[in-house]
Amino acid sequence: MSLPLLVAIVALGIALSVAAVHFTGGSKTATLAGTDQALSRFAEDFPDEVVTVVRLTADASTAFLDLGRGRIGIVHGIGDCFLTRIVTPRDATALPADNANTVSFRLADFTWKGGRFSFASATDAQGLLKALEPQHLNSAGEAA
């Protein structure tokens, strides 16, 4: 078999494989239908946590959940799945961005570094920034 024919067959095979994955839903991006779905998805991994406030990003790809005691829960869409995390001000750096509705969020976790998140209102963005402000910590490392 000639080399150009072999390259063409391999290229066609790869293209067909990528198309099959795409058309069977493999390239679908997960989004949250609302705060209820964010609460439900978070409760699957952390059933004992009590959520007081849910802040959903404008594109519905991420929800930030206030858990009290200086902790924030996160539900974030990656691919067609959601990841969940609980973070404290020690784990994350949140900075206001150039827009009042946007927060730049950086985690110390190597599996997910964070990103820029836009909210529908500046109130949600400011609420997240306030929730992640370093607070006085007691000797056990809990927020006072």
N, C-alpha and C. Protein backbone atom coordinates (compact mmCIF):
# COMPACT_ATOMS: atom_id res chain seq x y z
N MET A 1 0.85 -1.16 0.00
CA MET A 1 0.00 0.00 0.00
C MET A 1 0.90 1.23 0.00
N SER A 2 0.54 2.21 -0.76
CA SER A 2 1.37 3.41 -0.85
C SER A 2 1.15 4.29 0.39
N LEU A 3 2.18 5.05 0.72
CA LEU A 3 2.14 5.92 1.90
C LEU A 3 1.03 6.97 1.79
N PRO A 4 0.84 7.64 0.66
CA PRO A 4 -0.24 8.64 0.57
C PRO A 4 -1.63 8.02 0.79
N LEU A 5 -1.85 6.81 0.31
CA LEU A 5 -3.13 6.15 0.52
C LEU A 5 -3.32 5.81 1.99
N LEU A 6 -2.27 5.33 2.67
CA LEU A 6 -2.34 5.02 4.09
C LEU A 6 -2.64 6.27 4.91
N VAL A 7 -1.99 7.38 4.61
CA VAL A 7 -2.24 8.64 5.32
C VAL A 7 -3.69 9.08 5.12
N ALA A 8 -4.20 8.95 3.90
CA ALA A 8 -5.59 9.34 3.62
C ALA A 8 -6.57 8.47 4.41
N ILE A 9 -6.32 7.17 4.49
CA ILE A 9 -7.20 6.27 5.24
C ILE A 9 -7.18 6.62 6.73
N VAL A 10 -5.99 6.86 7.28
CA VAL A 10 -5.88 7.22 8.70
C VAL A 10 -6.59 8.55 8.97
N ALA A 11 -6.38 9.54 8.12
CA ALA A 11 -7.02 10.84 8.29
C ALA A 11 -8.54 10.72 8.23
N LEU A 12 -9.04 9.94 7.30
CA LEU A 12 -10.48 9.73 7.19
C LEU A 12 -11.02 9.01 8.44
N GLY A 13 -10.30 8.05 8.94
CA GLY A 13 -10.71 7.33 10.15
C GLY A 13 -10.78 8.24 11.36
N ILE A 14 -9.80 9.11 11.50
CA ILE A 14 -9.80 10.06 12.62
C ILE A 14 -10.96 11.03 12.48
N ALA A 15 -11.19 11.54 11.29
CA ALA A 15 -12.29 12.48 11.05
C ALA A 15 -13.64 11.83 11.36
N LEU A 16 -13.82 10.60 10.95
CA LEU A 16 -15.08 9.89 11.23
C LEU A 16 -15.25 9.65 12.72
N SER A 17 -14.18 9.34 13.43
CA SER A 17 -14.25 9.13 14.88
C SER A 17 -14.64 10.41 15.61
N VAL A 18 -14.03 11.53 15.23
CA VAL A 18 -14.36 12.82 15.84
C VAL A 18 -15.81 13.19 15.55
N ALA A 19 -16.26 12.98 14.34
CA ALA A 19 -17.66 13.27 13.98
C ALA A 19 -18.62 12.41 14.77
N ALA A 20 -18.30 11.14 14.94
CA ALA A 20 -19.17 10.25 15.71
C ALA A 20 -19.29 10.70 17.16
N VAL A 21 -18.18 11.10 17.77
CA VAL A 21 -18.22 11.58 19.16
C VAL A 21 -19.06 12.86 19.24
N HIS A 22 -18.85 13.77 18.31
CA HIS A 22 -19.59 15.03 18.32
C HIS A 22 -21.10 14.79 18.17
N PHE A 23 -21.51 13.98 17.22
CA PHE A 23 -22.92 13.79 16.94
C PHE A 23 -23.63 12.89 17.95
N THR A 24 -22.89 12.20 18.78
CA THR A 24 -23.51 11.40 19.85
C THR A 24 -23.51 12.15 21.18
N GLY A 25 -23.18 13.46 21.16
CA GLY A 25 -23.27 14.28 22.36
C GLY A 25 -21.97 14.45 23.11
N GLY A 26 -20.87 13.98 22.59
CA GLY A 26 -19.59 14.07 23.27
C GLY A 26 -19.03 15.47 23.37
N SER A 27 -19.49 16.40 22.56
CA SER A 27 -18.98 17.77 22.63
C SER A 27 -19.99 18.72 23.28
N LYS A 28 -21.03 18.15 23.92
CA LYS A 28 -22.04 18.96 24.60
C LYS A 28 -21.44 19.61 25.84
N THR A 29 -21.81 20.85 26.09
CA THR A 29 -21.34 21.57 27.27
C THR A 29 -22.43 21.61 28.32
N ALA A 30 -22.07 21.25 29.55
CA ALA A 30 -23.03 21.22 30.63
C ALA A 30 -23.34 22.64 31.10
N THR A 31 -24.63 22.94 31.25
CA THR A 31 -25.07 24.19 31.84
C THR A 31 -26.13 23.88 32.89
N LEU A 32 -26.26 24.76 33.84
CA LEU A 32 -27.23 24.59 34.92
C LEU A 32 -28.56 25.20 34.50
N ALA A 33 -29.64 24.45 34.69
CA ALA A 33 -30.96 24.94 34.33
C ALA A 33 -31.47 26.00 35.30
N GLY A 34 -30.85 26.08 36.46
CA GLY A 34 -31.25 27.07 37.46
C GLY A 34 -30.65 26.75 38.81
N THR A 35 -31.06 27.51 39.80
CA THR A 35 -30.50 27.31 41.14
C THR A 35 -30.89 25.96 41.73
N ASP A 36 -32.09 25.46 41.39
CA ASP A 36 -32.50 24.15 41.90
C ASP A 36 -31.59 23.04 41.42
N GLN A 37 -31.19 23.09 40.15
CA GLN A 37 -30.28 22.07 39.63
C GLN A 37 -28.91 22.19 40.29
N ALA A 38 -28.45 23.41 40.52
CA ALA A 38 -27.16 23.62 41.19
C ALA A 38 -27.21 23.02 42.60
N LEU A 39 -28.29 23.29 43.33
CA LEU A 39 -28.44 22.73 44.68
C LEU A 39 -28.49 21.21 44.65
N SER A 40 -29.23 20.67 43.71
CA SER A 40 -29.36 19.22 43.59
C SER A 40 -28.02 18.56 43.26
N ARG A 41 -27.30 19.13 42.30
CA ARG A 41 -26.01 18.56 41.90
C ARG A 41 -25.00 18.65 43.03
N PHE A 42 -24.99 19.77 43.77
CA PHE A 42 -24.07 19.93 44.89
C PHE A 42 -24.41 18.93 46.00
N ALA A 43 -25.71 18.71 46.24
CA ALA A 43 -26.15 17.79 47.29
C ALA A 43 -25.76 16.34 46.99
N GLU A 44 -25.57 16.00 45.72
CA GLU A 44 -25.13 14.64 45.38
C GLU A 44 -23.76 14.34 45.99
N ASP A 45 -22.87 15.33 45.98
CA ASP A 45 -21.52 15.13 46.50
C ASP A 45 -21.36 15.54 47.96
N PHE A 46 -22.18 16.50 48.39
CA PHE A 46 -22.08 17.02 49.76
C PHE A 46 -23.47 17.07 50.38
N PRO A 47 -24.06 15.91 50.71
CA PRO A 47 -25.45 15.88 51.17
C PRO A 47 -25.69 16.55 52.52
N ASP A 48 -24.68 16.70 53.35
CA ASP A 48 -24.87 17.26 54.68
C ASP A 48 -24.68 18.77 54.75
N GLU A 49 -24.33 19.39 53.63
CA GLU A 49 -24.09 20.84 53.62
C GLU A 49 -25.40 21.61 53.48
N VAL A 50 -25.50 22.71 54.21
CA VAL A 50 -26.66 23.59 54.14
C VAL A 50 -26.27 24.85 53.37
N VAL A 51 -26.98 25.08 52.28
CA VAL A 51 -26.69 26.22 51.40
C VAL A 51 -27.61 27.37 51.77
N THR A 52 -27.05 28.57 51.94
CA THR A 52 -27.86 29.73 52.28
C THR A 52 -28.13 30.63 51.09
N VAL A 53 -27.17 30.76 50.17
CA VAL A 53 -27.34 31.63 48.99
C VAL A 53 -26.72 30.92 47.79
N VAL A 54 -27.39 31.02 46.63
CA VAL A 54 -26.85 30.48 45.38
C VAL A 54 -26.67 31.65 44.40
N ARG A 55 -25.46 31.76 43.86
CA ARG A 55 -25.16 32.78 42.86
C ARG A 55 -24.81 32.08 41.55
N LEU A 56 -25.65 32.22 40.55
CA LEU A 56 -25.47 31.57 39.26
C LEU A 56 -24.85 32.56 38.28
N THR A 57 -23.84 32.12 37.52
CA THR A 57 -23.22 33.00 36.54
C THR A 57 -24.19 33.27 35.40
N ALA A 58 -23.93 34.34 34.65
CA ALA A 58 -24.82 34.75 33.56
C ALA A 58 -24.95 33.67 32.49
N ASP A 59 -23.89 32.90 32.23
CA ASP A 59 -23.96 31.85 31.21
C ASP A 59 -24.42 30.51 31.77
N ALA A 60 -24.77 30.47 33.05
CA ALA A 60 -25.29 29.28 33.73
C ALA A 60 -24.32 28.10 33.71
N SER A 61 -23.03 28.37 33.62
CA SER A 61 -22.05 27.29 33.63
C SER A 61 -21.49 27.04 35.03
N THR A 62 -21.68 27.99 35.94
CA THR A 62 -21.12 27.87 37.28
C THR A 62 -22.08 28.45 38.31
N ALA A 63 -22.12 27.80 39.47
CA ALA A 63 -22.88 28.33 40.60
C ALA A 63 -21.96 28.37 41.81
N PHE A 64 -22.05 29.46 42.56
CA PHE A 64 -21.31 29.61 43.80
C PHE A 64 -22.33 29.59 44.93
N LEU A 65 -22.11 28.72 45.92
CA LEU A 65 -23.08 28.51 46.98
C LEU A 65 -22.47 28.89 48.33
N ASP A 66 -23.12 29.79 49.06
CA ASP A 66 -22.66 30.15 50.40
C ASP A 66 -23.03 29.02 51.35
N LEU A 67 -22.03 28.54 52.10
CA LEU A 67 -22.24 27.43 53.02
C LEU A 67 -22.11 27.85 54.48
N GLY A 68 -21.74 29.09 54.71
CA GLY A 68 -21.52 29.56 56.08
C GLY A 68 -20.13 29.17 56.56
N ARG A 69 -19.77 29.69 57.71
CA ARG A 69 -18.46 29.41 58.33
C ARG A 69 -17.31 29.71 57.36
N GLY A 70 -17.48 30.73 56.50
CA GLY A 70 -16.42 31.14 55.60
C GLY A 70 -16.14 30.17 54.46
N ARG A 71 -17.13 29.37 54.08
CA ARG A 71 -16.93 28.39 53.01
C ARG A 71 -17.88 28.65 51.86
N ILE A 72 -17.39 28.35 50.65
CA ILE A 72 -18.18 28.50 49.42
C ILE A 72 -18.18 27.16 48.69
N GLY A 73 -19.35 26.74 48.24
CA GLY A 73 -19.46 25.57 47.39
C GLY A 73 -19.46 26.02 45.94
N ILE A 74 -18.92 25.20 45.08
CA ILE A 74 -18.87 25.52 43.64
C ILE A 74 -19.42 24.34 42.86
N VAL A 75 -20.28 24.64 41.89
CA VAL A 75 -20.72 23.66 40.89
C VAL A 75 -20.35 24.28 39.55
N HIS A 76 -19.45 23.62 38.81
CA HIS A 76 -18.92 24.17 37.57
C HIS A 76 -19.00 23.14 36.45
N GLY A 77 -19.53 23.55 35.31
CA GLY A 77 -19.63 22.66 34.16
C GLY A 77 -18.31 22.54 33.42
N ILE A 78 -17.88 21.30 33.24
CA ILE A 78 -16.69 21.01 32.43
C ILE A 78 -17.09 19.91 31.47
N GLY A 79 -17.05 20.23 30.19
CA GLY A 79 -17.53 19.26 29.20
C GLY A 79 -19.01 19.02 29.41
N ASP A 80 -19.41 17.76 29.49
CA ASP A 80 -20.82 17.46 29.73
C ASP A 80 -21.07 17.04 31.17
N CYS A 81 -20.11 17.32 32.07
CA CYS A 81 -20.22 16.96 33.48
C CYS A 81 -20.07 18.19 34.36
N PHE A 82 -20.33 18.01 35.64
CA PHE A 82 -20.14 19.07 36.61
C PHE A 82 -19.12 18.65 37.64
N LEU A 83 -18.26 19.59 38.04
CA LEU A 83 -17.38 19.33 39.17
C LEU A 83 -17.91 20.13 40.34
N THR A 84 -17.68 19.63 41.54
CA THR A 84 -18.09 20.32 42.75
C THR A 84 -16.89 20.47 43.67
N ARG A 85 -16.85 21.58 44.37
CA ARG A 85 -15.76 21.86 45.31
C ARG A 85 -16.32 22.64 46.48
N ILE A 86 -15.64 22.55 47.61
CA ILE A 86 -15.86 23.45 48.74
C ILE A 86 -14.53 24.17 48.94
N VAL A 87 -14.58 25.49 48.96
CA VAL A 87 -13.36 26.28 49.13
C VAL A 87 -13.54 27.27 50.27
N THR A 88 -12.42 27.70 50.80
CA THR A 88 -12.37 28.73 51.83
C THR A 88 -11.50 29.87 51.29
N PRO A 89 -11.46 31.00 51.99
CA PRO A 89 -10.58 32.08 51.53
C PRO A 89 -9.11 31.65 51.45
N ARG A 90 -8.71 30.65 52.20
CA ARG A 90 -7.33 30.15 52.11
C ARG A 90 -7.06 29.43 50.79
N ASP A 91 -8.10 28.83 50.21
CA ASP A 91 -7.96 28.03 48.99
C ASP A 91 -8.07 28.86 47.71
N ALA A 92 -8.62 30.06 47.82
CA ALA A 92 -8.96 30.80 46.61
C ALA A 92 -8.57 32.26 46.72
N THR A 93 -8.35 32.85 45.56
CA THR A 93 -8.15 34.28 45.45
C THR A 93 -9.20 34.79 44.48
N ALA A 94 -10.04 35.69 44.96
CA ALA A 94 -11.07 36.27 44.11
C ALA A 94 -10.79 37.76 43.98
N LEU A 95 -10.76 38.24 42.75
CA LEU A 95 -10.46 39.64 42.49
C LEU A 95 -11.53 40.23 41.60
N PRO A 96 -11.90 41.49 41.86
CA PRO A 96 -12.84 42.12 40.93
C PRO A 96 -12.17 42.31 39.58
N ALA A 97 -12.94 42.19 38.52
CA ALA A 97 -12.40 42.39 37.17
C ALA A 97 -12.75 43.80 36.71
N ASP A 98 -12.49 44.08 35.45
CA ASP A 98 -12.74 45.41 34.89
C ASP A 98 -14.23 45.75 34.85
N ASN A 99 -15.09 44.78 34.92
CA ASN A 99 -16.53 44.96 34.90
C ASN A 99 -17.08 44.65 36.29
N ALA A 100 -18.03 45.44 36.78
CA ALA A 100 -18.58 45.24 38.13
C ALA A 100 -19.31 43.91 38.27
N ASN A 101 -19.74 43.32 37.17
CA ASN A 101 -20.47 42.04 37.22
C ASN A 101 -19.55 40.83 37.12
N THR A 102 -18.24 41.05 37.01
CA THR A 102 -17.29 39.97 36.75
C THR A 102 -16.31 39.80 37.90
N VAL A 103 -16.01 38.54 38.20
CA VAL A 103 -15.04 38.20 39.24
C VAL A 103 -14.00 37.27 38.63
N SER A 104 -12.74 37.53 38.91
CA SER A 104 -11.66 36.63 38.52
C SER A 104 -11.36 35.77 39.74
N PHE A 105 -11.41 34.48 39.54
CA PHE A 105 -11.35 33.53 40.64
C PHE A 105 -10.21 32.55 40.39
N ARG A 106 -9.28 32.43 41.32
CA ARG A 106 -8.11 31.55 41.16
C ARG A 106 -8.03 30.61 42.35
N LEU A 107 -7.91 29.31 42.05
CA LEU A 107 -7.81 28.29 43.10
C LEU A 107 -6.40 27.73 43.19
N ALA A 108 -6.03 27.28 44.37
CA ALA A 108 -4.74 26.62 44.57
C ALA A 108 -4.79 25.17 44.09
N ASP A 109 -5.96 24.66 43.79
CA ASP A 109 -6.18 23.29 43.35
C ASP A 109 -5.64 23.09 41.92
N PHE A 110 -4.76 22.12 41.72
CA PHE A 110 -4.17 21.92 40.38
C PHE A 110 -5.15 21.28 39.40
N THR A 111 -6.25 20.69 39.88
CA THR A 111 -7.19 20.04 38.98
C THR A 111 -8.15 21.01 38.30
N TRP A 112 -8.30 22.19 38.90
CA TRP A 112 -9.12 23.24 38.30
C TRP A 112 -8.64 24.56 38.84
N LYS A 113 -8.18 25.43 37.98
CA LYS A 113 -7.54 26.68 38.40
C LYS A 113 -8.51 27.83 38.59
N GLY A 114 -9.77 27.69 38.16
CA GLY A 114 -10.73 28.79 38.30
C GLY A 114 -10.95 29.47 36.97
N GLY A 115 -11.16 30.80 36.99
CA GLY A 115 -11.38 31.54 35.75
C GLY A 115 -12.05 32.86 36.01
N ARG A 116 -12.64 33.43 34.94
CA ARG A 116 -13.40 34.67 35.04
C ARG A 116 -14.87 34.33 34.95
N PHE A 117 -15.65 34.88 35.86
CA PHE A 117 -17.07 34.55 35.93
C PHE A 117 -17.89 35.82 35.92
N SER A 118 -18.82 35.90 34.97
CA SER A 118 -19.70 37.06 34.84
C SER A 118 -21.07 36.70 35.41
N PHE A 119 -21.60 37.62 36.19
CA PHE A 119 -22.91 37.45 36.80
C PHE A 119 -23.90 38.41 36.16
N ALA A 120 -25.19 38.13 36.33
CA ALA A 120 -26.22 38.99 35.79
C ALA A 120 -26.26 40.33 36.52
N SER A 121 -25.83 40.34 37.78
CA SER A 121 -25.86 41.59 38.54
C SER A 121 -24.54 41.80 39.29
N ALA A 122 -24.23 43.05 39.53
CA ALA A 122 -23.03 43.38 40.30
C ALA A 122 -23.20 42.93 41.76
N THR A 123 -24.44 42.83 42.22
CA THR A 123 -24.70 42.38 43.60
C THR A 123 -24.17 40.97 43.82
N ASP A 124 -24.40 40.07 42.85
CA ASP A 124 -23.90 38.70 42.98
C ASP A 124 -22.38 38.67 42.97
N ALA A 125 -21.77 39.44 42.08
CA ALA A 125 -20.31 39.48 42.00
C ALA A 125 -19.72 40.01 43.30
N GLN A 126 -20.29 41.09 43.83
CA GLN A 126 -19.79 41.66 45.08
C GLN A 126 -20.04 40.72 46.26
N GLY A 127 -21.16 40.00 46.23
CA GLY A 127 -21.44 39.03 47.29
C GLY A 127 -20.42 37.91 47.32
N LEU A 128 -19.99 37.44 46.14
CA LEU A 128 -18.96 36.40 46.09
C LEU A 128 -17.63 36.95 46.60
N LEU A 129 -17.27 38.15 46.19
CA LEU A 129 -16.03 38.75 46.66
C LEU A 129 -16.04 38.89 48.19
N LYS A 130 -17.16 39.33 48.74
CA LYS A 130 -17.27 39.50 50.18
C LYS A 130 -17.19 38.15 50.90
N ALA A 131 -17.82 37.13 50.32
CA ALA A 131 -17.80 35.80 50.95
C ALA A 131 -16.40 35.21 50.98
N LEU A 132 -15.57 35.61 50.03
CA LEU A 132 -14.21 35.04 49.97
C LEU A 132 -13.14 35.97 50.56
N GLU A 133 -13.57 37.02 51.25
CA GLU A 133 -12.60 37.86 51.94
C GLU A 133 -12.00 37.08 53.10
N PRO A 134 -10.70 37.20 53.30
CA PRO A 134 -10.11 36.55 54.48
C PRO A 134 -10.74 37.12 55.75
N GLN A 135 -11.12 36.23 56.63
CA GLN A 135 -11.74 36.62 57.89
C GLN A 135 -10.82 36.23 59.02
N HIS A 136 -11.15 36.68 60.21
CA HIS A 136 -10.36 36.24 61.37
C HIS A 136 -10.59 34.75 61.55
N LEU A 137 -9.52 33.99 61.63
CA LEU A 137 -9.63 32.55 61.81
C LEU A 137 -9.24 32.20 63.23
N ASN A 138 -9.98 31.28 63.83
CA ASN A 138 -9.63 30.85 65.18
C ASN A 138 -8.52 29.80 65.11
N SER A 139 -8.12 29.26 66.21
CA SER A 139 -6.99 28.32 66.25
C SER A 139 -7.26 27.04 65.47
N ALA A 140 -8.54 26.70 65.28
CA ALA A 140 -8.88 25.49 64.53
C ALA A 140 -8.94 25.75 63.03
N GLY A 141 -8.72 27.02 62.61
CA GLY A 141 -8.73 27.34 61.19
C GLY A 141 -10.12 27.64 60.66
N GLU A 142 -11.12 27.75 61.55
CA GLU A 142 -12.48 28.05 61.15
C GLU A 142 -12.71 29.56 61.23
N ALA A 143 -13.64 30.04 60.42
CA ALA A 143 -13.98 31.46 60.46
C ALA A 143 -14.64 31.77 61.78
N ALA A 144 -14.29 32.91 62.33
CA ALA A 144 -14.88 33.30 63.63
C ALA A 144 -16.22 33.95 63.44
